[in-house]
Amino acid sequence: VLGVHIAAPGLAIAPGDALDAVGRARLSTVYMPGHKIT
């Protein structure tokens, strides 16, 4: 039995709440050498 386990922010963050608004505004972490914007 292989398990693939994924972190579950979706169990706490709800669509439409304040943290969802932050995630939806940014949409992704930004990567670049030496730095990232989460």
Full PDB file with SEQRES, HELIX, SHEET, SSBOND, CRYST1, ORIGX, SCALE, CONECT and MASTER records, all heavy atoms in Angstrom:
SEQRES   1 A   38  VAL LEU GLY VAL HIS ILE ALA ALA PRO GLY LEU ALA ILE          
SEQRES   2 A   38  ALA PRO GLY ASP ALA LEU ASP ALA VAL GLY ARG ALA ARG          
SEQRES   3 A   38  LEU SER THR VAL TYR MET PRO GLY HIS LYS ILE THR              
HELIX    1 AA1 PRO A    9  LEU A   11  5                                   3    
HELIX    2 AA2 ALA A   18  ARG A   26  1                                   9    
SHEET    1 AA1 2 VAL A  30  MET A  32  0                                        
SHEET    2 AA1 2 HIS A  35  ILE A  37 -1                                        
CRYST1    1.000    1.000    1.000  90.00  90.00  90.00 P 1           1          
ORIGX1      1.000000  0.000000  0.000000        0.00000                         
ORIGX2      0.000000  1.000000  0.000000        0.00000                         
ORIGX3      0.000000  0.000000  1.000000        0.00000                         
SCALE1      1.000000  0.000000  0.000000        0.00000                         
SCALE2      0.000000  1.000000  0.000000        0.00000                         
SCALE3      0.000000  0.000000  1.000000        0.00000                         
ATOM      1  N   VAL A   1       0.858  -1.187   0.000  1.00  0.00           N  
ATOM      2  CA  VAL A   1       0.000   0.000   0.000  1.00  0.00           C  
ATOM      3  C   VAL A   1       0.893   1.235   0.000  1.00  0.00           C  
ATOM      4  O   VAL A   1       1.643   1.482   0.952  1.00  0.00           O  
ATOM      5  CB  VAL A   1      -0.948   0.017   1.212  1.00  0.00           C  
ATOM      6  CG1 VAL A   1      -1.807   1.285   1.188  1.00  0.00           C  
ATOM      7  CG2 VAL A   1      -1.834  -1.220   1.218  1.00  0.00           C  
ATOM      8  N   LEU A   2       0.822   1.989  -1.092  1.00  0.00           N  
ATOM      9  CA  LEU A   2       1.549   3.257  -1.232  1.00  0.00           C  
ATOM     10  C   LEU A   2       0.683   4.384  -0.705  1.00  0.00           C  
ATOM     11  O   LEU A   2      -0.504   4.477  -1.048  1.00  0.00           O  
ATOM     12  CB  LEU A   2       1.888   3.498  -2.705  1.00  0.00           C  
ATOM     13  CG  LEU A   2       2.268   4.927  -3.096  1.00  0.00           C  
ATOM     14  CD1 LEU A   2       3.657   5.265  -2.586  1.00  0.00           C  
ATOM     15  CD2 LEU A   2       2.183   5.121  -4.615  1.00  0.00           C  
ATOM     16  N   GLY A   3       1.244   5.231   0.147  1.00  0.00           N  
ATOM     17  CA  GLY A   3       0.531   6.417   0.619  1.00  0.00           C  
ATOM     18  C   GLY A   3       1.150   7.681   0.051  1.00  0.00           C  
ATOM     19  O   GLY A   3       2.368   7.864   0.126  1.00  0.00           O  
ATOM     20  N   VAL A   4       0.331   8.533  -0.552  1.00  0.00           N  
ATOM     21  CA  VAL A   4       0.756   9.878  -0.970  1.00  0.00           C  
ATOM     22  C   VAL A   4      -0.012  10.853  -0.091  1.00  0.00           C  
ATOM     23  O   VAL A   4      -1.243  10.925  -0.150  1.00  0.00           O  
ATOM     24  CB  VAL A   4       0.463  10.143  -2.460  1.00  0.00           C  
ATOM     25  CG1 VAL A   4       0.916  11.551  -2.839  1.00  0.00           C  
ATOM     26  CG2 VAL A   4       1.160   9.106  -3.342  1.00  0.00           C  
ATOM     27  N   HIS A   5       0.723  11.567   0.772  1.00  0.00           N  
ATOM     28  CA  HIS A   5       0.102  12.399   1.808  1.00  0.00           C  
ATOM     29  C   HIS A   5       0.343  13.874   1.485  1.00  0.00           C  
ATOM     30  O   HIS A   5       1.489  14.297   1.342  1.00  0.00           O  
ATOM     31  CB  HIS A   5       0.684  12.046   3.174  1.00  0.00           C  
ATOM     32  CG  HIS A   5       0.717  10.570   3.445  1.00  0.00           C  
ATOM     33  ND1 HIS A   5      -0.407   9.863   3.814  1.00  0.00           N  
ATOM     34  CD2 HIS A   5       1.726   9.658   3.369  1.00  0.00           C  
ATOM     35  CE1 HIS A   5      -0.082   8.580   3.970  1.00  0.00           C  
ATOM     36  NE2 HIS A   5       1.200   8.436   3.700  1.00  0.00           N  
ATOM     37  N   ILE A   6      -0.742  14.631   1.383  1.00  0.00           N  
ATOM     38  CA  ILE A   6      -0.664  16.032   0.974  1.00  0.00           C  
ATOM     39  C   ILE A   6      -1.122  16.925   2.129  1.00  0.00           C  
ATOM     40  O   ILE A   6      -2.156  16.673   2.748  1.00  0.00           O  
ATOM     41  CB  ILE A   6      -1.553  16.293  -0.265  1.00  0.00           C  
ATOM     42  CG1 ILE A   6      -1.199  15.321  -1.392  1.00  0.00           C  
ATOM     43  CG2 ILE A   6      -1.406  17.742  -0.725  1.00  0.00           C  
ATOM     44  CD1 ILE A   6       0.243  15.364  -1.860  1.00  0.00           C  
ATOM     45  N   ALA A   7      -0.312  17.952   2.428  1.00  0.00           N  
ATOM     46  CA  ALA A   7      -0.675  18.924   3.470  1.00  0.00           C  
ATOM     47  C   ALA A   7      -2.093  19.431   3.227  1.00  0.00           C  
ATOM     48  O   ALA A   7      -2.516  19.602   2.079  1.00  0.00           O  
ATOM     49  CB  ALA A   7       0.313  20.085   3.458  1.00  0.00           C  
ATOM     50  N   ALA A   8      -2.825  19.687   4.303  1.00  0.00           N  
ATOM     51  CA  ALA A   8      -4.262  19.934   4.176  1.00  0.00           C  
ATOM     52  C   ALA A   8      -4.712  21.308   4.683  1.00  0.00           C  
ATOM     53  O   ALA A   8      -5.546  21.397   5.588  1.00  0.00           O  
ATOM     54  CB  ALA A   8      -5.031  18.834   4.909  1.00  0.00           C  
ATOM     55  N   PRO A   9      -4.186  22.411   4.099  1.00  0.00           N  
ATOM     56  CA  PRO A   9      -4.724  23.723   4.493  1.00  0.00           C  
ATOM     57  C   PRO A   9      -6.201  23.851   4.168  1.00  0.00           C  
ATOM     58  O   PRO A   9      -6.924  24.628   4.796  1.00  0.00           O  
ATOM     59  CB  PRO A   9      -3.889  24.712   3.661  1.00  0.00           C  
ATOM     60  CG  PRO A   9      -3.401  23.913   2.489  1.00  0.00           C  
ATOM     61  CD  PRO A   9      -3.175  22.533   3.028  1.00  0.00           C  
ATOM     62  N   GLY A  10      -6.687  23.037   3.200  1.00  0.00           N  
ATOM     63  CA  GLY A  10      -8.097  23.094   2.827  1.00  0.00           C  
ATOM     64  C   GLY A  10      -9.043  22.629   3.919  1.00  0.00           C  
ATOM     65  O   GLY A  10     -10.248  22.873   3.834  1.00  0.00           O  
ATOM     66  N   LEU A  11      -8.505  21.953   4.966  1.00  0.00           N  
ATOM     67  CA  LEU A  11      -9.354  21.571   6.101  1.00  0.00           C  
ATOM     68  C   LEU A  11      -9.584  22.742   7.050  1.00  0.00           C  
ATOM     69  O   LEU A  11     -10.469  22.682   7.905  1.00  0.00           O  
ATOM     70  CB  LEU A  11      -8.703  20.418   6.873  1.00  0.00           C  
ATOM     71  CG  LEU A  11      -8.705  19.052   6.179  1.00  0.00           C  
ATOM     72  CD1 LEU A  11      -7.854  18.059   6.969  1.00  0.00           C  
ATOM     73  CD2 LEU A  11     -10.134  18.520   6.023  1.00  0.00           C  
ATOM     74  N   ALA A  12      -8.765  23.799   6.932  1.00  0.00           N  
ATOM     75  CA  ALA A  12      -8.877  24.945   7.844  1.00  0.00           C  
ATOM     76  C   ALA A  12      -9.280  26.225   7.119  1.00  0.00           C  
ATOM     77  O   ALA A  12     -10.125  26.986   7.598  1.00  0.00           O  
ATOM     78  CB  ALA A  12      -7.541  25.156   8.562  1.00  0.00           C  
ATOM     79  N   ILE A  13      -8.665  26.473   5.977  1.00  0.00           N  
ATOM     80  CA  ILE A  13      -9.000  27.665   5.194  1.00  0.00           C  
ATOM     81  C   ILE A  13     -10.275  27.370   4.415  1.00  0.00           C  
ATOM     82  O   ILE A  13     -10.387  26.323   3.774  1.00  0.00           O  
ATOM     83  CB  ILE A  13      -7.852  28.018   4.226  1.00  0.00           C  
ATOM     84  CG1 ILE A  13      -6.557  28.272   5.002  1.00  0.00           C  
ATOM     85  CG2 ILE A  13      -8.211  29.231   3.380  1.00  0.00           C  
ATOM     86  CD1 ILE A  13      -5.321  28.401   4.118  1.00  0.00           C  
ATOM     87  N   ALA A  14     -11.236  28.284   4.470  1.00  0.00           N  
ATOM     88  CA  ALA A  14     -12.511  28.079   3.781  1.00  0.00           C  
ATOM     89  C   ALA A  14     -12.633  29.066   2.628  1.00  0.00           C  
ATOM     90  O   ALA A  14     -12.143  30.198   2.719  1.00  0.00           O  
ATOM     91  CB  ALA A  14     -13.677  28.266   4.749  1.00  0.00           C  
ATOM     92  N   PRO A  15     -13.286  28.657   1.524  1.00  0.00           N  
ATOM     93  CA  PRO A  15     -13.501  29.602   0.418  1.00  0.00           C  
ATOM     94  C   PRO A  15     -14.212  30.857   0.915  1.00  0.00           C  
ATOM     95  O   PRO A  15     -15.210  30.776   1.627  1.00  0.00           O  
ATOM     96  CB  PRO A  15     -14.400  28.809  -0.546  1.00  0.00           C  
ATOM     97  CG  PRO A  15     -14.125  27.375  -0.236  1.00  0.00           C  
ATOM     98  CD  PRO A  15     -13.854  27.321   1.241  1.00  0.00           C  
ATOM     99  N   GLY A  16     -13.637  32.000   0.572  1.00  0.00           N  
ATOM    100  CA  GLY A  16     -14.248  33.272   0.950  1.00  0.00           C  
ATOM    101  C   GLY A  16     -13.735  33.878   2.234  1.00  0.00           C  
ATOM    102  O   GLY A  16     -14.057  35.026   2.545  1.00  0.00           O  
ATOM    103  N   ASP A  17     -12.925  33.142   3.030  1.00  0.00           N  
ATOM    104  CA  ASP A  17     -12.427  33.736   4.268  1.00  0.00           C  
ATOM    105  C   ASP A  17     -11.183  34.589   3.999  1.00  0.00           C  
ATOM    106  O   ASP A  17     -10.731  34.714   2.850  1.00  0.00           O  
ATOM    107  CB  ASP A  17     -12.200  32.683   5.357  1.00  0.00           C  
ATOM    108  CG  ASP A  17     -11.006  31.762   5.075  1.00  0.00           C  
ATOM    109  OD1 ASP A  17     -10.215  32.055   4.166  1.00  0.00           O  
ATOM    110  OD2 ASP A  17     -10.876  30.743   5.783  1.00  0.00           O  
ATOM    111  N   ALA A  18     -10.628  35.200   5.054  1.00  0.00           N  
ATOM    112  CA  ALA A  18      -9.550  36.176   4.884  1.00  0.00           C  
ATOM    113  C   ALA A  18      -8.289  35.550   4.288  1.00  0.00           C  
ATOM    114  O   ALA A  18      -7.625  36.144   3.419  1.00  0.00           O  
ATOM    115  CB  ALA A  18      -9.229  36.829   6.234  1.00  0.00           C  
ATOM    116  N   LEU A  19      -7.945  34.333   4.733  1.00  0.00           N  
ATOM    117  CA  LEU A  19      -6.754  33.676   4.188  1.00  0.00           C  
ATOM    118  C   LEU A  19      -6.966  33.245   2.743  1.00  0.00           C  
ATOM    119  O   LEU A  19      -6.038  33.294   1.926  1.00  0.00           O  
ATOM    120  CB  LEU A  19      -6.376  32.463   5.038  1.00  0.00           C  
ATOM    121  CG  LEU A  19      -5.364  32.716   6.151  1.00  0.00           C  
ATOM    122  CD1 LEU A  19      -5.143  31.450   6.970  1.00  0.00           C  
ATOM    123  CD2 LEU A  19      -4.035  33.209   5.584  1.00  0.00           C  
ATOM    124  N   ASP A  20      -8.185  32.841   2.426  1.00  0.00           N  
ATOM    125  CA  ASP A  20      -8.485  32.513   1.034  1.00  0.00           C  
ATOM    126  C   ASP A  20      -8.291  33.743   0.154  1.00  0.00           C  
ATOM    127  O   ASP A  20      -7.747  33.640  -0.959  1.00  0.00           O  
ATOM    128  CB  ASP A  20      -9.913  32.001   0.912  1.00  0.00           C  
ATOM    129  CG  ASP A  20     -10.352  31.826  -0.535  1.00  0.00           C  
ATOM    130  OD1 ASP A  20      -9.558  31.283  -1.327  1.00  0.00           O  
ATOM    131  OD2 ASP A  20     -11.464  32.243  -0.887  1.00  0.00           O  
ATOM    132  N   ALA A  21      -8.697  34.906   0.635  1.00  0.00           N  
ATOM    133  CA  ALA A  21      -8.533  36.144  -0.144  1.00  0.00           C  
ATOM    134  C   ALA A  21      -7.061  36.423  -0.422  1.00  0.00           C  
ATOM    135  O   ALA A  21      -6.685  36.857  -1.515  1.00  0.00           O  
ATOM    136  CB  ALA A  21      -9.177  37.316   0.597  1.00  0.00           C  
ATOM    137  N   VAL A  22      -6.202  36.155   0.571  1.00  0.00           N  
ATOM    138  CA  VAL A  22      -4.756  36.345   0.386  1.00  0.00           C  
ATOM    139  C   VAL A  22      -4.233  35.387  -0.679  1.00  0.00           C  
ATOM    140  O   VAL A  22      -3.507  35.780  -1.601  1.00  0.00           O  
ATOM    141  CB  VAL A  22      -4.007  36.127   1.724  1.00  0.00           C  
ATOM    142  CG1 VAL A  22      -2.505  36.008   1.494  1.00  0.00           C  
ATOM    143  CG2 VAL A  22      -4.302  37.277   2.678  1.00  0.00           C  
ATOM    144  N   GLY A  23      -4.601  34.103  -0.552  1.00  0.00           N  
ATOM    145  CA  GLY A  23      -4.146  33.115  -1.529  1.00  0.00           C  
ATOM    146  C   GLY A  23      -4.654  33.414  -2.917  1.00  0.00           C  
ATOM    147  O   GLY A  23      -3.909  33.303  -3.906  1.00  0.00           O  
ATOM    148  N   ARG A  24      -5.906  33.839  -3.013  1.00  0.00           N  
ATOM    149  CA  ARG A  24      -6.488  34.109  -4.330  1.00  0.00           C  
ATOM    150  C   ARG A  24      -5.877  35.361  -4.960  1.00  0.00           C  
ATOM    151  O   ARG A  24      -5.802  35.472  -6.191  1.00  0.00           O  
ATOM    152  CB  ARG A  24      -7.999  34.253  -4.207  1.00  0.00           C  
ATOM    153  CG  ARG A  24      -8.663  34.418  -5.550  1.00  0.00           C  
ATOM    154  CD  ARG A  24     -10.125  34.093  -5.530  1.00  0.00           C  
ATOM    155  NE  ARG A  24     -10.712  34.346  -6.834  1.00  0.00           N  
ATOM    156  CZ  ARG A  24     -11.972  34.125  -7.138  1.00  0.00           C  
ATOM    157  NH1 ARG A  24     -12.795  33.636  -6.232  1.00  0.00           N  
ATOM    158  NH2 ARG A  24     -12.429  34.384  -8.340  1.00  0.00           N  
ATOM    159  N   ALA A  25      -5.442  36.305  -4.137  1.00  0.00           N  
ATOM    160  CA  ALA A  25      -4.793  37.502  -4.680  1.00  0.00           C  
ATOM    161  C   ALA A  25      -3.410  37.172  -5.247  1.00  0.00           C  
ATOM    162  O   ALA A  25      -2.991  37.727  -6.256  1.00  0.00           O  
ATOM    163  CB  ALA A  25      -4.690  38.572  -3.593  1.00  0.00           C  
ATOM    164  N   ARG A  26      -2.700  36.248  -4.590  1.00  0.00           N  
ATOM    165  CA  ARG A  26      -1.327  35.918  -5.027  1.00  0.00           C  
ATOM    166  C   ARG A  26      -1.287  34.769  -6.017  1.00  0.00           C  
ATOM    167  O   ARG A  26      -0.452  34.758  -6.909  1.00  0.00           O  
ATOM    168  CB  ARG A  26      -0.478  35.585  -3.808  1.00  0.00           C  
ATOM    169  CG  ARG A  26      -0.400  36.750  -2.833  1.00  0.00           C  
ATOM    170  CD  ARG A  26       0.828  36.693  -1.980  1.00  0.00           C  
ATOM    171  NE  ARG A  26       0.953  37.910  -1.202  1.00  0.00           N  
ATOM    172  CZ  ARG A  26       2.025  38.288  -0.546  1.00  0.00           C  
ATOM    173  NH1 ARG A  26       3.097  37.513  -0.556  1.00  0.00           N  
ATOM    174  NH2 ARG A  26       2.063  39.410   0.124  1.00  0.00           N  
ATOM    175  N   LEU A  27      -2.117  33.742  -5.773  1.00  0.00           N  
ATOM    176  CA  LEU A  27      -2.319  32.611  -6.680  1.00  0.00           C  
ATOM    177  C   LEU A  27      -1.177  31.603  -6.727  1.00  0.00           C  
ATOM    178  O   LEU A  27      -1.371  30.453  -7.087  1.00  0.00           O  
ATOM    179  CB  LEU A  27      -2.637  33.104  -8.106  1.00  0.00           C  
ATOM    180  CG  LEU A  27      -3.995  33.816  -8.198  1.00  0.00           C  
ATOM    181  CD1 LEU A  27      -4.067  34.668  -9.448  1.00  0.00           C  
ATOM    182  CD2 LEU A  27      -5.136  32.799  -8.201  1.00  0.00           C  
ATOM    183  N   SER A  28       0.026  32.016  -6.368  1.00  0.00           N  
ATOM    184  CA  SER A  28       1.150  31.078  -6.387  1.00  0.00           C  
ATOM    185  C   SER A  28       2.305  31.699  -5.618  1.00  0.00           C  
ATOM    186  O   SER A  28       2.385  32.917  -5.475  1.00  0.00           O  
ATOM    187  CB  SER A  28       1.582  30.790  -7.826  1.00  0.00           C  
ATOM    188  OG  SER A  28       2.790  30.050  -7.856  1.00  0.00           O  
ATOM    189  N   THR A  29       3.204  30.843  -5.124  1.00  0.00           N  
ATOM    190  CA  THR A  29       4.489  31.326  -4.619  1.00  0.00           C  
ATOM    191  C   THR A  29       5.341  31.743  -5.815  1.00  0.00           C  
ATOM    192  O   THR A  29       5.301  31.096  -6.863  1.00  0.00           O  
ATOM    193  CB  THR A  29       5.194  30.226  -3.805  1.00  0.00           C  
ATOM    194  OG1 THR A  29       4.467  30.025  -2.582  1.00  0.00           O  
ATOM    195  CG2 THR A  29       6.632  30.596  -3.461  1.00  0.00           C  
ATOM    196  N   VAL A  30       6.075  32.838  -5.661  1.00  0.00           N  
ATOM    197  CA  VAL A  30       6.973  33.325  -6.720  1.00  0.00           C  
ATOM    198  C   VAL A  30       8.396  32.893  -6.372  1.00  0.00           C  
ATOM    199  O   VAL A  30       8.879  33.181  -5.271  1.00  0.00           O  
ATOM    200  CB  VAL A  30       6.923  34.861  -6.835  1.00  0.00           C  
ATOM    201  CG1 VAL A  30       7.715  35.330  -8.050  1.00  0.00           C  
ATOM    202  CG2 VAL A  30       5.495  35.365  -6.904  1.00  0.00           C  
ATOM    203  N   TYR A  31       9.059  32.219  -7.296  1.00  0.00           N  
ATOM    204  CA  TYR A  31      10.425  31.752  -7.068  1.00  0.00           C  
ATOM    205  C   TYR A  31      11.404  32.554  -7.918  1.00  0.00           C  
ATOM    206  O   TYR A  31      11.097  32.922  -9.055  1.00  0.00           O  
ATOM    207  CB  TYR A  31      10.551  30.265  -7.409  1.00  0.00           C  
ATOM    208  CG  TYR A  31       9.708  29.384  -6.527  1.00  0.00           C  
ATOM    209  CD1 TYR A  31       8.445  28.960  -6.929  1.00  0.00           C  
ATOM    210  CD2 TYR A  31      10.160  28.992  -5.269  1.00  0.00           C  
ATOM    211  CE1 TYR A  31       7.666  28.166  -6.114  1.00  0.00           C  
ATOM    212  CE2 TYR A  31       9.381  28.197  -4.447  1.00  0.00           C  
ATOM    213  CZ  TYR A  31       8.138  27.781  -4.875  1.00  0.00           C  
ATOM    214  OH  TYR A  31       7.361  27.000  -4.055  1.00  0.00           O  
ATOM    215  N   MET A  32      12.579  32.804  -7.363  1.00  0.00           N  
ATOM    216  CA  MET A  32      13.673  33.433  -8.094  1.00  0.00           C  
ATOM    217  C   MET A  32      14.952  33.123  -7.336  1.00  0.00           C  
ATOM    218  O   MET A  32      14.896  32.763  -6.148  1.00  0.00           O  
ATOM    219  CB  MET A  32      13.454  34.949  -8.199  1.00  0.00           C  
ATOM    220  CG  MET A  32      13.491  35.691  -6.868  1.00  0.00           C  
ATOM    221  SD  MET A  32      12.569  37.230  -6.870  1.00  0.00           S  
ATOM    222  CE  MET A  32      10.918  36.627  -6.462  1.00  0.00           C  
ATOM    223  N   PRO A  33      16.123  33.194  -7.961  1.00  0.00           N  
ATOM    224  CA  PRO A  33      17.369  32.891  -7.238  1.00  0.00           C  
ATOM    225  C   PRO A  33      17.509  33.734  -5.973  1.00  0.00           C  
ATOM    226  O   PRO A  33      17.377  34.959  -6.008  1.00  0.00           O  
ATOM    227  CB  PRO A  33      18.450  33.244  -8.264  1.00  0.00           C  
ATOM    228  CG  PRO A  33      17.794  33.010  -9.588  1.00  0.00           C  
ATOM    229  CD  PRO A  33      16.375  33.470  -9.393  1.00  0.00           C  
ATOM    230  N   GLY A  34      17.742  33.055  -4.850  1.00  0.00           N  
ATOM    231  CA  GLY A  34      18.013  33.739  -3.596  1.00  0.00           C  
ATOM    232  C   GLY A  34      16.815  34.277  -2.855  1.00  0.00           C  
ATOM    233  O   GLY A  34      16.960  34.848  -1.776  1.00  0.00           O  
ATOM    234  N   HIS A  35      15.605  34.109  -3.402  1.00  0.00           N  
ATOM    235  CA  HIS A  35      14.448  34.724  -2.758  1.00  0.00           C  
ATOM    236  C   HIS A  35      13.166  34.065  -3.263  1.00  0.00           C  
ATOM    237  O   HIS A  35      13.145  33.467  -4.333  1.00  0.00           O  
ATOM    238  CB  HIS A  35      14.411  36.223  -3.085  1.00  0.00           C  
ATOM    239  CG  HIS A  35      13.458  37.015  -2.233  1.00  0.00           C  
ATOM    240  ND1 HIS A  35      13.450  36.954  -0.858  1.00  0.00           N  
ATOM    241  CD2 HIS A  35      12.471  37.883  -2.569  1.00  0.00           C  
ATOM    242  CE1 HIS A  35      12.515  37.767  -0.382  1.00  0.00           C  
ATOM    243  NE2 HIS A  35      11.903  38.330  -1.408  1.00  0.00           N  
ATOM    244  N   LYS A  36      12.103  34.180  -2.460  1.00  0.00           N  
ATOM    245  CA  LYS A  36      10.777  33.783  -2.919  1.00  0.00           C  
ATOM    246  C   LYS A  36       9.733  34.621  -2.198  1.00  0.00           C  
ATOM    247  O   LYS A  36       9.969  35.125  -1.085  1.00  0.00           O  
ATOM    248  CB  LYS A  36      10.534  32.290  -2.690  1.00  0.00           C  
ATOM    249  CG  LYS A  36      10.456  31.853  -1.241  1.00  0.00           C  
ATOM    250  CD  LYS A  36      10.209  30.346  -1.159  1.00  0.00           C  
ATOM    251  CE  LYS A  36      10.184  29.878   0.297  1.00  0.00           C  
ATOM    252  NZ  LYS A  36       9.979  28.415   0.402  1.00  0.00           N  
ATOM    253  N   ILE A  37       8.601  34.789  -2.838  1.00  0.00           N  
ATOM    254  CA  ILE A  37       7.456  35.465  -2.239  1.00  0.00           C  
ATOM    255  C   ILE A  37       6.380  34.408  -2.087  1.00  0.00           C  
ATOM    256  O   ILE A  37       5.850  33.904  -3.084  1.00  0.00           O  
ATOM    257  CB  ILE A  37       6.948  36.619  -3.128  1.00  0.00           C  
ATOM    258  CG1 ILE A  37       8.062  37.619  -3.425  1.00  0.00           C  
ATOM    259  CG2 ILE A  37       5.771  37.328  -2.461  1.00  0.00           C  
ATOM    260  CD1 ILE A  37       7.679  38.652  -4.477  1.00  0.00           C  
ATOM    261  N   THR A  38       6.088  34.026  -0.854  1.00  0.00           N  
ATOM    262  CA  THR A  38       5.185  32.900  -0.645  1.00  0.00           C  
ATOM    263  C   THR A  38       3.726  33.300  -0.874  1.00  0.00           C  
ATOM    264  O   THR A  38       3.349  34.458  -0.709  1.00  0.00           O  
ATOM    265  CB  THR A  38       5.335  32.323   0.771  1.00  0.00           C  
ATOM    266  OG1 THR A  38       5.088  33.360   1.727  1.00  0.00           O  
ATOM    267  CG2 THR A  38       6.739  31.771   0.977  1.00  0.00           C  
TER     268      THR A  38                                                      
MASTER        0    0    0    2    2    0    0    6  267    1    0    3          
END                                                                             
